Amino acid sequence: MHGLTVAKRLLCLKAIRMAPVGLILVAAMGGSYADSHLNVLFIAVDDLRPELGCYGSPHVQSPNIDGLAASGLRFDRAYCQYPVCNPSRSSFMTGLYPEQTGVLSNAGHFRDKQPDIASLSQHFINHGYFAARIGKIYHYGVPNQIGTDGVDDKASWNKVINPIGIDRTRQDEVITLRAGSYGGTMSWLLLNSKDEEHTDGQAALAAVKLMEDHHPDKTGKPFFLAVGFYRPHTPYVAPLHHARHYPLDKIEPVL
């Protein structure tokens, strides 16, 4: 993977908030060990609906994710294990049903009931990989826990990066229908800003740098990199220039 190409694709994924809930890209990047052990880039996106060009949406402009879907494998009937963040993510990262992890709400941790289980990334670590997390993979309270570890699992990673951008630091400017509430109600903010000033943009750039720094030619080890984007989870905070792709007079009411 060329660093600039990955950066552009990751930034586009961030900017338009368009990616599958779980997208896995694999690529051989040289090195004797990596010749037979592919690197893994796992992309997770919070609260994304299948409103994408590759799923037939006539309204959403998602050329980069559409390109990835066209060149890879697209699942048309894939469903999350549980309609709540923490149970769903814990299930995906452990391969267990929520009833088995004991996580049935956004409170709690799967280690409370399954202390010895190897998570997805831990499995890679146990087989000689370097594993890193950037952003939201396990549960976070959004937006207040952006920039922290959230409800993370330390055993799952060799390295973690918790980006924080102006979507969090300028949270007091967010327009919300319920005073003081952002993550659980309709809330939004358009900022005259660059993509890389936002948390997700910083996550994309950090991912590119980490892949370059941990290239198997440098480290002798393949990597498993999990990059978690926070949007489109509310509040809907975005650079203003992306809104220009969707003029208000062209948007049809849903009711």
C-alpha atoms as a PDB file:
ATOM      1  CA  MET A   1       0.000   0.000   0.000  1.00  0.00           C
ATOM      2  CA  HIS A   2       1.400   3.394  -0.928  1.00  0.00           C
ATOM      3  CA  GLY A   3       1.179   5.736   2.057  1.00  0.00           C
ATOM      4  CA  LEU A   4      -0.350   8.647   0.116  1.00  0.00           C
ATOM      5  CA  THR A   5      -2.991   6.435  -1.469  1.00  0.00           C
ATOM      6  CA  VAL A   6      -3.980   4.997   1.898  1.00  0.00           C
ATOM      7  CA  ALA A   7      -4.051   8.498   3.421  1.00  0.00           C
ATOM      8  CA  LYS A   8      -6.373   9.777   0.718  1.00  0.00           C
ATOM      9  CA  ARG A   9      -8.705   6.816   1.057  1.00  0.00           C
ATOM     10  CA  LEU A  10      -8.760   6.953   4.839  1.00  0.00           C
ATOM     11  CA  LEU A  11      -9.384  10.706   4.814  1.00  0.00           C
ATOM     12  CA  CYS A  12     -12.182  10.261   2.293  1.00  0.00           C
ATOM     13  CA  LEU A  13     -13.726   7.541   4.442  1.00  0.00           C
ATOM     14  CA  LYS A  14     -13.547   9.880   7.397  1.00  0.00           C
ATOM     15  CA  ALA A  15     -14.757  12.939   5.561  1.00  0.00           C
ATOM     16  CA  ILE A  16     -17.905  11.407   4.102  1.00  0.00           C
ATOM     17  CA  ARG A  17     -18.463   9.014   7.026  1.00  0.00           C
ATOM     18  CA  MET A  18     -18.829   6.123   4.644  1.00  0.00           C
ATOM     19  CA  ALA A  19     -17.412   2.686   5.431  1.00  0.00           C
ATOM     20  CA  PRO A  20     -18.768  -0.697   6.456  1.00  0.00           C
ATOM     21  CA  VAL A  21     -19.150  -1.255  10.180  1.00  0.00           C
ATOM     22  CA  GLY A  22     -16.182  -3.594   9.880  1.00  0.00           C
ATOM     23  CA  LEU A  23     -13.883  -3.321   6.864  1.00  0.00           C
ATOM     24  CA  ILE A  24     -10.754  -5.447   6.669  1.00  0.00           C
ATOM     25  CA  LEU A  25      -8.015  -4.713   4.149  1.00  0.00           C
ATOM     26  CA  VAL A  26      -5.031  -6.999   3.805  1.00  0.00           C
ATOM     27  CA  ALA A  27      -1.791  -6.477   1.921  1.00  0.00           C
ATOM     28  CA  ALA A  28       1.662  -7.980   1.726  1.00  0.00           C
ATOM     29  CA  MET A  29       4.273  -5.289   2.357  1.00  0.00           C
ATOM     30  CA  GLY A  30       7.569  -7.095   1.985  1.00  0.00           C
ATOM     31  CA  GLY A  31       9.887  -8.617   4.543  1.00  0.00           C
ATOM     32  CA  SER A  32      10.639 -12.322   4.825  1.00  0.00           C
ATOM     33  CA  TYR A  33       8.091 -12.953   7.578  1.00  0.00           C
ATOM     34  CA  ALA A  34       5.459 -10.755   5.925  1.00  0.00           C
ATOM     35  CA  ASP A  35       5.828 -12.649   2.664  1.00  0.00           C
ATOM     36  CA  SER A  36       3.625 -15.357   4.150  1.00  0.00           C
ATOM     37  CA  HIS A  37       1.823 -13.272   6.802  1.00  0.00           C
ATOM     38  CA  LEU A  38      -0.367 -10.493   5.456  1.00  0.00           C
ATOM     39  CA  ASN A  39      -0.733  -7.155   7.197  1.00  0.00           C
ATOM     40  CA  VAL A  40      -4.263  -6.324   8.323  1.00  0.00           C
ATOM     41  CA  LEU A  41      -5.958  -2.921   8.320  1.00  0.00           C
ATOM     42  CA  PHE A  42      -9.294  -3.174  10.138  1.00  0.00           C
ATOM     43  CA  ILE A  43     -11.590  -0.139   9.811  1.00  0.00           C
ATOM     44  CA  ALA A  44     -14.609   0.325  12.079  1.00  0.00           C
ATOM     45  CA  VAL A  45     -17.172   3.104  11.690  1.00  0.00           C
ATOM     46  CA  ASP A  46     -19.619   4.102  14.404  1.00  0.00           C
ATOM     47  CA  ASP A  47     -23.385   4.076  13.791  1.00  0.00           C
ATOM     48  CA  LEU A  48     -23.131   3.724  10.016  1.00  0.00           C
ATOM     49  CA  ARG A  49     -26.203   2.762   8.002  1.00  0.00           C
ATOM     50  CA  PRO A  50     -25.891   1.028   4.606  1.00  0.00           C
ATOM     51  CA  GLU A  51     -26.661   4.336   2.860  1.00  0.00           C
ATOM     52  CA  LEU A  52     -23.877   4.009   0.302  1.00  0.00           C
ATOM     53  CA  GLY A  53     -23.579   4.008  -3.446  1.00  0.00           C
ATOM     54  CA  CYS A  54     -22.380   0.399  -3.374  1.00  0.00           C
ATOM     55  CA  TYR A  55     -25.638  -0.557  -1.646  1.00  0.00           C
ATOM     56  CA  GLY A  56     -27.787   1.307  -4.160  1.00  0.00           C
ATOM     57  CA  SER A  57     -28.340   4.643  -2.426  1.00  0.00           C
ATOM     58  CA  PRO A  58     -29.184   7.307  -5.043  1.00  0.00           C
ATOM     59  CA  HIS A  59     -28.351  10.176  -2.691  1.00  0.00           C
ATOM     60  CA  VAL A  60     -25.073   9.420  -0.940  1.00  0.00           C
ATOM     61  CA  GLN A  61     -21.797  10.217  -2.690  1.00  0.00           C
ATOM     62  CA  SER A  62     -19.321   7.565  -1.573  1.00  0.00           C
ATOM     63  CA  PRO A  63     -16.875   6.953  -4.444  1.00  0.00           C
ATOM     64  CA  ASN A  64     -13.961   5.732  -2.333  1.00  0.00           C
ATOM     65  CA  ILE A  65     -15.866   3.173  -0.318  1.00  0.00           C
ATOM     66  CA  ASP A  66     -17.705   2.152  -3.498  1.00  0.00           C
ATOM     67  CA  GLY A  67     -14.320   1.504  -5.095  1.00  0.00           C
ATOM     68  CA  LEU A  68     -13.236  -0.631  -2.159  1.00  0.00           C
ATOM     69  CA  ALA A  69     -16.485  -2.583  -2.330  1.00  0.00           C
ATOM     70  CA  ALA A  70     -16.084  -3.142  -6.071  1.00  0.00           C
ATOM     71  CA  SER A  71     -12.559  -4.480  -5.652  1.00  0.00           C
ATOM     72  CA  GLY A  72     -13.332  -6.639  -2.623  1.00  0.00           C
ATOM     73  CA  LEU A  73     -16.106  -8.660  -1.041  1.00  0.00           C
ATOM     74  CA  ARG A  74     -19.380  -6.948  -0.094  1.00  0.00           C
ATOM     75  CA  PHE A  75     -21.799  -8.574   2.327  1.00  0.00           C
ATOM     76  CA  ASP A  76     -25.454  -7.857   1.567  1.00  0.00           C
ATOM     77  CA  ARG A  77     -26.945  -9.594   4.604  1.00  0.00           C
ATOM     78  CA  ALA A  78     -24.543  -9.021   7.478  1.00  0.00           C
ATOM     79  CA  TYR A  79     -26.045  -7.990  10.805  1.00  0.00           C
ATOM     80  CA  CYS A  80     -24.579  -6.833  14.093  1.00  0.00           C
ATOM     81  CA  GLN A  81     -24.929  -9.156  17.063  1.00  0.00           C
ATOM     82  CA  TYR A  82     -26.706  -6.626  19.261  1.00  0.00           C
ATOM     83  CA  PRO A  83     -28.298  -3.198  18.648  1.00  0.00           C
ATOM     84  CA  VAL A  84     -26.154  -1.512  21.327  1.00  0.00           C
ATOM     85  CA  CYS A  85     -22.533  -0.411  20.971  1.00  0.00           C
ATOM     86  CA  ASN A  86     -20.660  -2.174  23.774  1.00  0.00           C
ATOM     87  CA  PRO A  87     -22.322  -5.604  23.364  1.00  0.00           C
ATOM     88  CA  SER A  88     -21.911  -5.486  19.586  1.00  0.00           C
ATOM     89  CA  ARG A  89     -18.238  -4.490  19.639  1.00  0.00           C
ATOM     90  CA  SER A  90     -17.377  -6.920  22.421  1.00  0.00           C
ATOM     91  CA  SER A  91     -19.039  -9.700  20.443  1.00  0.00           C
ATOM     92  CA  PHE A  92     -17.234  -8.859  17.235  1.00  0.00           C
ATOM     93  CA  MET A  93     -13.831  -8.606  18.886  1.00  0.00           C
ATOM     94  CA  THR A  94     -14.187 -11.877  20.807  1.00  0.00           C
ATOM     95  CA  GLY A  95     -16.250 -14.031  18.453  1.00  0.00           C
ATOM     96  CA  LEU A  96     -18.737 -14.697  21.260  1.00  0.00           C
ATOM     97  CA  TYR A  97     -22.427 -13.919  21.528  1.00  0.00           C
ATOM     98  CA  PRO A  98     -23.337 -11.087  23.923  1.00  0.00           C
ATOM     99  CA  GLU A  99     -24.929 -13.667  26.208  1.00  0.00           C
ATOM    100  CA  GLN A 100     -21.511 -15.343  26.422  1.00  0.00           C
ATOM    101  CA  THR A 101     -19.520 -12.159  27.021  1.00  0.00           C
ATOM    102  CA  GLY A 102     -22.033 -10.988  29.628  1.00  0.00           C
ATOM    103  CA  VAL A 103     -22.067  -7.522  28.041  1.00  0.00           C
ATOM    104  CA  LEU A 104     -25.704  -6.613  27.386  1.00  0.00           C
ATOM    105  CA  SER A 105     -25.496  -2.834  27.747  1.00  0.00           C
ATOM    106  CA  ASN A 106     -22.953  -0.056  27.381  1.00  0.00           C
ATOM    107  CA  ALA A 107     -21.819  -0.741  30.939  1.00  0.00           C
ATOM    108  CA  GLY A 108     -19.477  -3.585  31.820  1.00  0.00           C
ATOM    109  CA  HIS A 109     -16.509  -5.310  30.186  1.00  0.00           C
ATOM    110  CA  PHE A 110     -16.248  -8.735  28.559  1.00  0.00           C
ATOM    111  CA  ARG A 111     -13.207  -9.558  30.731  1.00  0.00           C
ATOM    112  CA  ASP A 112     -15.483  -9.627  33.776  1.00  0.00           C
ATOM    113  CA  LYS A 113     -17.000 -12.886  32.512  1.00  0.00           C
ATOM    114  CA  GLN A 114     -14.349 -14.032  30.026  1.00  0.00           C
ATOM    115  CA  PRO A 115     -11.027 -13.017  31.647  1.00  0.00           C
ATOM    116  CA  ASP A 116      -8.843 -15.405  29.649  1.00  0.00           C
ATOM    117  CA  ILE A 117     -10.303 -15.214  26.160  1.00  0.00           C
ATOM    118  CA  ALA A 118      -8.034 -14.010  23.340  1.00  0.00           C
ATOM    119  CA  SER A 119      -9.589 -11.120  21.452  1.00  0.00           C
ATOM    120  CA  LEU A 120      -9.272 -10.819  17.672  1.00  0.00           C
ATOM    121  CA  SER A 121      -6.188  -8.606  17.845  1.00  0.00           C
ATOM    122  CA  GLN A 122      -4.735 -10.683  20.683  1.00  0.00           C
ATOM    123  CA  HIS A 123      -4.902 -13.718  18.434  1.00  0.00           C
ATOM    124  CA  PHE A 124      -2.689 -11.878  15.961  1.00  0.00           C
ATOM    125  CA  ILE A 125      -0.301 -10.854  18.755  1.00  0.00           C
ATOM    126  CA  ASN A 126      -0.079 -14.476  19.837  1.00  0.00           C
ATOM    127  CA  HIS A 127       1.014 -15.352  16.304  1.00  0.00           C
ATOM    128  CA  GLY A 128       3.816 -12.838  15.968  1.00  0.00           C
ATOM    129  CA  TYR A 129       1.975  -9.697  14.900  1.00  0.00           C
ATOM    130  CA  PHE A 130       2.275  -6.126  16.138  1.00  0.00           C
ATOM    131  CA  ALA A 131      -1.252  -4.937  17.022  1.00  0.00           C
ATOM    132  CA  ALA A 132      -2.319  -1.315  17.385  1.00  0.00           C
ATOM    133  CA  ARG A 133      -5.539   0.613  17.912  1.00  0.00           C
ATOM    134  CA  ILE A 134      -6.347   4.131  16.740  1.00  0.00           C
ATOM    135  CA  GLY A 135      -9.671   5.607  17.850  1.00  0.00           C
ATOM    136  CA  LYS A 136     -12.851   3.724  18.700  1.00  0.00           C
ATOM    137  CA  ILE A 137     -12.723  -0.064  18.456  1.00  0.00           C
ATOM    138  CA  TYR A 138     -14.176  -1.060  21.809  1.00  0.00           C
ATOM    139  CA  HIS A 139     -16.923   1.063  23.358  1.00  0.00           C
ATOM    140  CA  TYR A 140     -16.583   4.805  23.921  1.00  0.00           C
ATOM    141  CA  GLY A 141     -19.064   7.326  25.210  1.00  0.00           C
ATOM    142  CA  VAL A 142     -19.295   9.794  22.314  1.00  0.00           C
ATOM    143  CA  PRO A 143     -18.428  12.596  22.340  1.00  0.00           C
ATOM    144  CA  ASN A 144     -17.252  12.957  25.955  1.00  0.00           C
ATOM    145  CA  GLN A 145     -14.730  10.093  25.909  1.00  0.00           C
ATOM    146  CA  ILE A 146     -13.077  11.063  22.625  1.00  0.00           C
ATOM    147  CA  GLY A 147      -9.348  11.399  23.283  1.00  0.00           C
ATOM    148  CA  THR A 148      -9.373   8.819  26.090  1.00  0.00           C
ATOM    149  CA  ASP A 149      -9.062   5.025  26.191  1.00  0.00           C
ATOM    150  CA  GLY A 150     -12.829   4.610  26.573  1.00  0.00           C
ATOM    151  CA  VAL A 151     -13.819   1.071  27.564  1.00  0.00           C
ATOM    152  CA  ASP A 152     -10.691  -0.410  26.023  1.00  0.00           C
ATOM    153  CA  ASP A 153      -8.976  -3.762  26.485  1.00  0.00           C
ATOM    154  CA  LYS A 154      -5.273  -3.233  27.200  1.00  0.00           C
ATOM    155  CA  ALA A 155      -4.394  -6.862  26.512  1.00  0.00           C
ATOM    156  CA  SER A 156      -5.573  -6.439  22.921  1.00  0.00           C
ATOM    157  CA  TRP A 157      -2.887  -3.996  21.812  1.00  0.00           C
ATOM    158  CA  ASN A 158       0.830  -3.324  21.707  1.00  0.00           C
ATOM    159  CA  LYS A 159       0.154   0.355  21.031  1.00  0.00           C
ATOM    160  CA  VAL A 160      -2.825   2.714  21.247  1.00  0.00           C
ATOM    161  CA  ILE A 161      -3.418   6.203  19.854  1.00  0.00           C
ATOM    162  CA  ASN A 162      -6.348   8.331  21.041  1.00  0.00           C
ATOM    163  CA  PRO A 163      -6.748  11.270  18.648  1.00  0.00           C
ATOM    164  CA  ILE A 164      -8.782  14.315  19.613  1.00  0.00           C
ATOM    165  CA  GLY A 165      -9.838  17.067  17.215  1.00  0.00           C
ATOM    166  CA  ILE A 166     -11.909  20.222  17.051  1.00  0.00           C
ATOM    167  CA  ASP A 167     -15.137  18.236  16.873  1.00  0.00           C
ATOM    168  CA  ARG A 168     -14.443  17.489  20.554  1.00  0.00           C
ATOM    169  CA  THR A 169     -12.606  20.612  21.682  1.00  0.00           C
ATOM    170  CA  ARG A 170     -15.295  22.885  20.189  1.00  0.00           C
ATOM    171  CA  GLN A 171     -18.156  20.757  21.442  1.00  0.00           C
ATOM    172  CA  ASP A 172     -19.745  23.721  23.222  1.00  0.00           C
ATOM    173  CA  GLU A 173     -20.667  25.134  19.783  1.00  0.00           C
ATOM    174  CA  VAL A 174     -22.748  22.096  18.832  1.00  0.00           C
ATOM    175  CA  ILE A 175     -26.435  22.777  18.174  1.00  0.00           C
ATOM    176  CA  THR A 176     -28.546  20.267  20.066  1.00  0.00           C
ATOM    177  CA  LEU A 177     -32.264  19.674  20.517  1.00  0.00           C
ATOM    178  CA  ARG A 178     -31.727  18.861  24.187  1.00  0.00           C
ATOM    179  CA  ALA A 179     -29.494  21.148  26.204  1.00  0.00           C
ATOM    180  CA  GLY A 180     -26.337  19.445  27.427  1.00  0.00           C
ATOM    181  CA  SER A 181     -26.977  16.275  25.404  1.00  0.00           C
ATOM    182  CA  TYR A 182     -24.963  15.453  22.299  1.00  0.00           C
ATOM    183  CA  GLY A 183     -24.455  11.712  21.852  1.00  0.00           C
ATOM    184  CA  GLY A 184     -28.047  10.594  22.399  1.00  0.00           C
ATOM    185  CA  THR A 185     -30.041  13.266  20.612  1.00  0.00           C
ATOM    186  CA  MET A 186     -30.145  15.108  17.301  1.00  0.00           C
ATOM    187  CA  SER A 187     -27.174  17.479  17.373  1.00  0.00           C
ATOM    188  CA  TRP A 188     -24.967  18.967  14.679  1.00  0.00           C
ATOM    189  CA  LEU A 189     -22.264  21.486  13.776  1.00  0.00           C
ATOM    190  CA  LEU A 190     -20.597  22.489  10.513  1.00  0.00           C
ATOM    191  CA  LEU A 191     -17.132  23.968  10.946  1.00  0.00           C
ATOM    192  CA  ASN A 192     -15.068  25.943   8.458  1.00  0.00           C
ATOM    193  CA  SER A 193     -12.215  23.517   8.894  1.00  0.00           C
ATOM    194  CA  LYS A 194      -9.968  20.982   7.241  1.00  0.00           C
ATOM    195  CA  ASP A 195     -10.565  17.244   7.428  1.00  0.00           C
ATOM    196  CA  GLU A 196      -7.350  16.680   9.367  1.00  0.00           C
ATOM    197  CA  GLU A 197      -8.447  19.072  12.130  1.00  0.00           C
ATOM    198  CA  HIS A 198     -11.183  16.630  13.141  1.00  0.00           C
ATOM    199  CA  THR A 199     -10.667  13.547  15.294  1.00  0.00           C
ATOM    200  CA  ASP A 200     -11.319  11.147  12.432  1.00  0.00           C
ATOM    201  CA  GLY A 201      -8.967  13.017  10.121  1.00  0.00           C
ATOM    202  CA  GLN A 202      -6.249  12.818  12.737  1.00  0.00           C
ATOM    203  CA  ALA A 203      -6.958   9.102  13.097  1.00  0.00           C
ATOM    204  CA  ALA A 204      -6.490   8.613   9.351  1.00  0.00           C
ATOM    205  CA  LEU A 205      -3.166  10.450   9.334  1.00  0.00           C
ATOM    206  CA  ALA A 206      -1.994   8.570  12.425  1.00  0.00           C
ATOM    207  CA  ALA A 207      -2.872   5.296  10.714  1.00  0.00           C
ATOM    208  CA  VAL A 208      -0.770   6.122   7.674  1.00  0.00           C
ATOM    209  CA  LYS A 209       2.190   7.113   9.854  1.00  0.00           C
ATOM    210  CA  LEU A 210       1.899   3.981  11.960  1.00  0.00           C
ATOM    211  CA  MET A 211       1.838   1.755   8.875  1.00  0.00           C
ATOM    212  CA  GLU A 212       4.953   3.495   7.608  1.00  0.00           C
ATOM    213  CA  ASP A 213       6.741   3.324  10.973  1.00  0.00           C
ATOM    214  CA  HIS A 214       5.842  -0.334  11.447  1.00  0.00           C
ATOM    215  CA  HIS A 215       6.447  -1.468   7.894  1.00  0.00           C
ATOM    216  CA  PRO A 216       7.641  -5.080   8.046  1.00  0.00           C
ATOM    217  CA  ASP A 217      10.829  -4.070   6.221  1.00  0.00           C
ATOM    218  CA  LYS A 218      11.665  -1.988   9.307  1.00  0.00           C
ATOM    219  CA  THR A 219      10.338  -4.209  12.078  1.00  0.00           C
ATOM    220  CA  GLY A 220      10.426  -7.722  10.665  1.00  0.00           C
ATOM    221  CA  LYS A 221       6.866  -8.239  11.934  1.00  0.00           C
ATOM    222  CA  PRO A 222       3.506  -7.960  10.178  1.00  0.00           C
ATOM    223  CA  PHE A 223       0.900  -5.682  11.735  1.00  0.00           C
ATOM    224  CA  PHE A 224      -2.767  -5.735  12.683  1.00  0.00           C
ATOM    225  CA  LEU A 225      -3.973  -2.133  12.730  1.00  0.00           C
ATOM    226  CA  ALA A 226      -7.501  -1.316  13.927  1.00  0.00           C
ATOM    227  CA  VAL A 227      -8.706   2.186  13.056  1.00  0.00           C
ATOM    228  CA  GLY A 228     -12.023   3.273  14.564  1.00  0.00           C
ATOM    229  CA  PHE A 229     -13.842   6.331  13.217  1.00  0.00           C
ATOM    230  CA  TYR A 230     -16.309   8.114  15.519  1.00  0.00           C
ATOM    231  CA  ARG A 231     -18.697   9.573  12.951  1.00  0.00           C
ATOM    232  CA  PRO A 232     -21.474   9.381  11.922  1.00  0.00           C
ATOM    233  CA  HIS A 233     -22.328   8.917  15.620  1.00  0.00           C
ATOM    234  CA  THR A 234     -24.020  12.042  16.935  1.00  0.00           C
ATOM    235  CA  PRO A 235     -23.229  14.873  17.245  1.00  0.00           C
ATOM    236  CA  TYR A 236     -22.976  15.276  13.479  1.00  0.00           C
ATOM    237  CA  VAL A 237     -19.875  17.460  13.275  1.00  0.00           C
ATOM    238  CA  ALA A 238     -18.251  17.923   9.880  1.00  0.00           C
ATOM    239  CA  PRO A 239     -16.147  20.334   7.815  1.00  0.00           C
ATOM    240  CA  LEU A 240     -18.391  22.794   5.998  1.00  0.00           C
ATOM    241  CA  HIS A 241     -17.019  21.973   2.561  1.00  0.00           C
ATOM    242  CA  HIS A 242     -18.561  18.488   2.671  1.00  0.00           C
ATOM    243  CA  ALA A 243     -22.050  19.907   3.182  1.00  0.00           C
ATOM    244  CA  ARG A 244     -21.794  21.634  -0.193  1.00  0.00           C
ATOM    245  CA  HIS A 245     -22.160  18.253  -1.869  1.00  0.00           C
ATOM    246  CA  TYR A 246     -25.703  18.098  -0.482  1.00  0.00           C
ATOM    247  CA  PRO A 247     -27.582  21.387  -1.183  1.00  0.00           C
ATOM    248  CA  LEU A 248     -30.587  21.810   1.092  1.00  0.00           C
ATOM    249  CA  ASP A 249     -32.928  22.423  -1.844  1.00  0.00           C
ATOM    250  CA  LYS A 250     -31.976  19.010  -3.237  1.00  0.00           C
ATOM    251  CA  ILE A 251     -32.691  17.068  -0.049  1.00  0.00           C
ATOM    252  CA  GLU A 252     -36.099  15.415   0.051  1.00  0.00           C
ATOM    253  CA  PRO A 253     -37.993  15.191   3.373  1.00  0.00           C
ATOM    254  CA  VAL A 254     -38.352  11.697   4.783  1.00  0.00           C
ATOM    255  CA  LEU A 255     -41.848  12.305   6.162  1.00  0.00           C
END
